Amino acid sequence: VFKSVHDKNRNSKLLLVGTGNGQSNIREKVDNLGLSNSVFFLGNRGDVNRILQAMDVFLFPSLYEGLGIAALEAQAAGLPCIISDSVPSECRVTDLAESLDLNLPIDEWADVVLEKQSTIDDIKKSGFDVKQNVVKLEEFYLNSVEE
């Protein structure tokens, strides 16, 4: 799914938190897909709350899941969540969580990820983007000095 997202948005990054039996396979796949510079393996962490604050979208395409505590934490952090239909419905506790069929084409999953990320674009358009505000402040100070 991330490969499809990244093909459509080259600035995208994937943060993988935790470890597991399949991690070496995932690392190999990331390398084979040429995504090594865009995927970050963060390992087991005690600061997941901070990591969630750095994310735009939480993607949880799990094949098998008990309750999905990670998805609950992501919703609590205010993240839009895209969760597979194999995750129990009890873990979708807010309007931020959307369930998708695992059998949908990967591009459809990617499109939903990019659609959810558009909220960030809406915030930027409203004038609350840090980079835009830095430019405004520079202009303000430069104009103040000239006067």
Protein backbone atom coordinates (compact mmCIF):
# COMPACT_ATOMS: atom_id res chain seq x y z
CA VAL A 1 0.00 0.00 0.00
CA PHE A 2 2.78 2.41 0.87
CA LYS A 3 4.47 1.82 -2.49
CA SER A 4 1.27 2.96 -4.20
CA VAL A 5 0.96 5.97 -1.87
CA HIS A 6 4.60 6.88 -2.48
CA ASP A 7 4.22 6.60 -6.25
CA LYS A 8 1.45 9.21 -6.02
CA ASN A 9 3.14 11.40 -3.38
CA ARG A 10 6.95 11.24 -3.39
CA ASN A 11 7.15 13.21 -0.11
CA SER A 12 5.34 10.48 1.82
CA LYS A 13 7.11 8.63 4.63
CA LEU A 14 6.20 5.42 6.39
CA LEU A 15 6.88 5.00 10.10
CA LEU A 16 6.84 1.39 11.31
CA VAL A 17 6.71 1.09 15.09
CA GLY A 18 7.35 -2.19 16.88
CA THR A 19 9.03 -5.45 15.97
CA GLY A 20 7.89 -8.88 14.99
CA ASN A 21 8.69 -12.15 13.28
CA GLY A 22 8.22 -10.76 9.78
CA GLN A 23 10.41 -7.69 10.19
CA SER A 24 13.34 -9.03 8.15
CA ASN A 25 10.94 -9.85 5.30
CA ILE A 26 9.50 -6.34 5.45
CA ARG A 27 12.98 -4.78 5.41
CA GLU A 28 13.88 -6.87 2.37
CA LYS A 29 10.68 -5.88 0.59
CA VAL A 30 11.27 -2.19 1.36
CA ASP A 31 14.77 -2.48 -0.14
CA ASN A 32 13.51 -4.36 -3.21
CA LEU A 33 10.83 -1.71 -3.82
CA GLY A 34 13.41 1.09 -3.58
CA LEU A 35 11.71 2.66 -0.56
CA SER A 36 14.60 2.55 1.92
CA ASN A 37 14.87 6.34 2.11
CA SER A 38 11.15 6.72 2.82
CA VAL A 39 10.50 3.95 5.36
CA PHE A 40 11.65 4.24 8.96
CA PHE A 41 11.83 1.19 11.22
CA LEU A 42 11.48 2.69 14.70
CA GLY A 43 11.46 -0.57 16.71
CA ASN A 44 9.83 -0.92 20.10
CA ARG A 45 9.26 2.50 21.62
CA GLY A 46 8.09 4.06 24.83
CA ASP A 47 7.12 7.33 23.15
CA VAL A 48 4.44 6.15 20.75
CA ASN A 49 2.24 9.09 21.77
CA ARG A 50 4.86 11.49 20.37
CA ILE A 51 5.31 9.45 17.21
CA LEU A 52 1.56 9.52 16.58
CA GLN A 53 1.67 13.32 16.75
CA ALA A 54 4.10 13.31 13.82
CA MET A 55 1.76 11.29 11.60
CA ASP A 56 -0.89 12.46 9.14
CA VAL A 57 -2.70 9.13 8.75
CA PHE A 58 -2.68 5.83 10.63
CA LEU A 59 -2.86 2.81 8.34
CA PHE A 60 -3.76 -0.56 9.88
CA PRO A 61 -4.18 -3.17 7.11
CA SER A 62 -3.97 -6.04 9.57
CA LEU A 63 -4.79 -9.58 8.44
CA TYR A 64 -5.45 -10.82 11.98
CA GLU A 65 -5.95 -8.75 15.09
CA GLY A 66 -7.25 -9.21 18.60
CA LEU A 67 -8.57 -5.80 19.56
CA GLY A 68 -6.19 -3.44 17.81
CA ILE A 69 -4.97 -1.29 20.69
CA ALA A 70 -2.67 0.62 18.32
CA ALA A 71 -5.70 1.77 16.32
CA LEU A 72 -7.40 2.92 19.53
CA GLU A 73 -4.29 4.90 20.49
CA ALA A 74 -4.19 6.51 17.03
CA GLN A 75 -7.82 7.59 17.31
CA ALA A 76 -7.15 8.98 20.78
CA ALA A 77 -4.33 11.02 19.22
CA GLY A 78 -6.81 12.46 16.70
CA LEU A 79 -5.45 10.67 13.64
CA PRO A 80 -7.59 9.62 10.70
CA CYS A 81 -7.39 5.82 10.74
CA ILE A 82 -7.80 3.40 7.87
CA ILE A 83 -8.37 -0.03 9.36
CA SER A 84 -8.86 -3.38 7.65
CA ASP A 85 -12.20 -5.11 7.95
CA SER A 86 -10.49 -8.01 9.75
CA VAL A 87 -9.92 -5.81 12.81
CA PRO A 88 -12.82 -6.13 15.29
CA SER A 89 -15.43 -3.39 14.98
CA GLU A 90 -14.97 -2.62 18.70
CA CYS A 91 -11.70 -0.87 17.84
CA ARG A 92 -13.49 1.72 15.67
CA VAL A 93 -14.61 4.05 18.44
CA THR A 94 -14.59 7.43 16.66
CA ASP A 95 -15.56 8.91 13.32
CA LEU A 96 -11.83 9.08 12.58
CA ALA A 97 -11.74 5.33 11.88
CA GLU A 98 -12.72 3.98 8.49
CA SER A 99 -12.86 0.30 7.69
CA LEU A 100 -11.72 -1.03 4.31
CA ASP A 101 -12.07 -4.46 2.78
CA LEU A 102 -8.72 -6.22 2.57
CA ASN A 103 -9.72 -7.54 -0.85
CA LEU A 104 -9.90 -4.05 -2.38
CA PRO A 105 -7.14 -3.22 -4.85
CA ILE A 106 -4.04 -1.68 -3.29
CA ASP A 107 -4.54 1.52 -5.29
CA GLU A 108 -7.93 2.01 -3.63
CA TRP A 109 -6.30 1.73 -0.21
CA ALA A 110 -3.67 4.25 -1.32
CA ASP A 111 -6.33 6.65 -2.61
CA VAL A 112 -8.10 6.59 0.76
CA VAL A 113 -4.79 7.28 2.54
CA LEU A 114 -4.13 10.25 0.28
CA GLU A 115 -7.72 11.48 0.69
CA LYS A 116 -7.38 11.43 4.48
CA GLN A 117 -4.08 13.26 4.21
CA SER A 118 -5.83 16.04 2.31
CA THR A 119 -6.98 17.37 5.70
CA ILE A 120 -3.42 18.60 6.14
CA ASP A 121 -3.67 20.36 2.78
CA ASP A 122 -6.90 22.02 3.94
CA ILE A 123 -5.11 23.32 7.04
CA LYS A 124 -2.30 24.70 4.88
CA LYS A 125 -4.79 26.40 2.58
CA SER A 126 -6.40 28.08 5.57
CA GLY A 127 -3.10 29.78 6.38
CA PHE A 128 -1.95 27.69 9.32
CA ASP A 129 1.06 26.10 7.66
CA VAL A 130 4.34 26.66 9.53
CA LYS A 131 6.35 27.28 6.35
CA GLN A 132 3.83 29.84 5.08
CA ASN A 133 3.87 31.62 8.42
CA VAL A 134 7.67 31.77 8.49
CA VAL A 135 7.62 33.54 5.11
CA LYS A 136 4.97 35.98 6.41
CA LEU A 137 7.04 36.72 9.51
CA GLU A 138 10.19 37.27 7.45
CA GLU A 139 8.32 39.69 5.21
CA PHE A 140 6.88 41.50 8.22
CA TYR A 141 10.28 41.94 9.88
CA LEU A 142 11.98 42.93 6.65
CA ASN A 143 9.30 45.55 6.01
CA SER A 144 9.61 46.82 9.62
CA VAL A 145 13.37 47.25 9.27
CA GLU A 146 13.02 49.12 5.99
CA GLU A 147 10.54 51.59 7.48
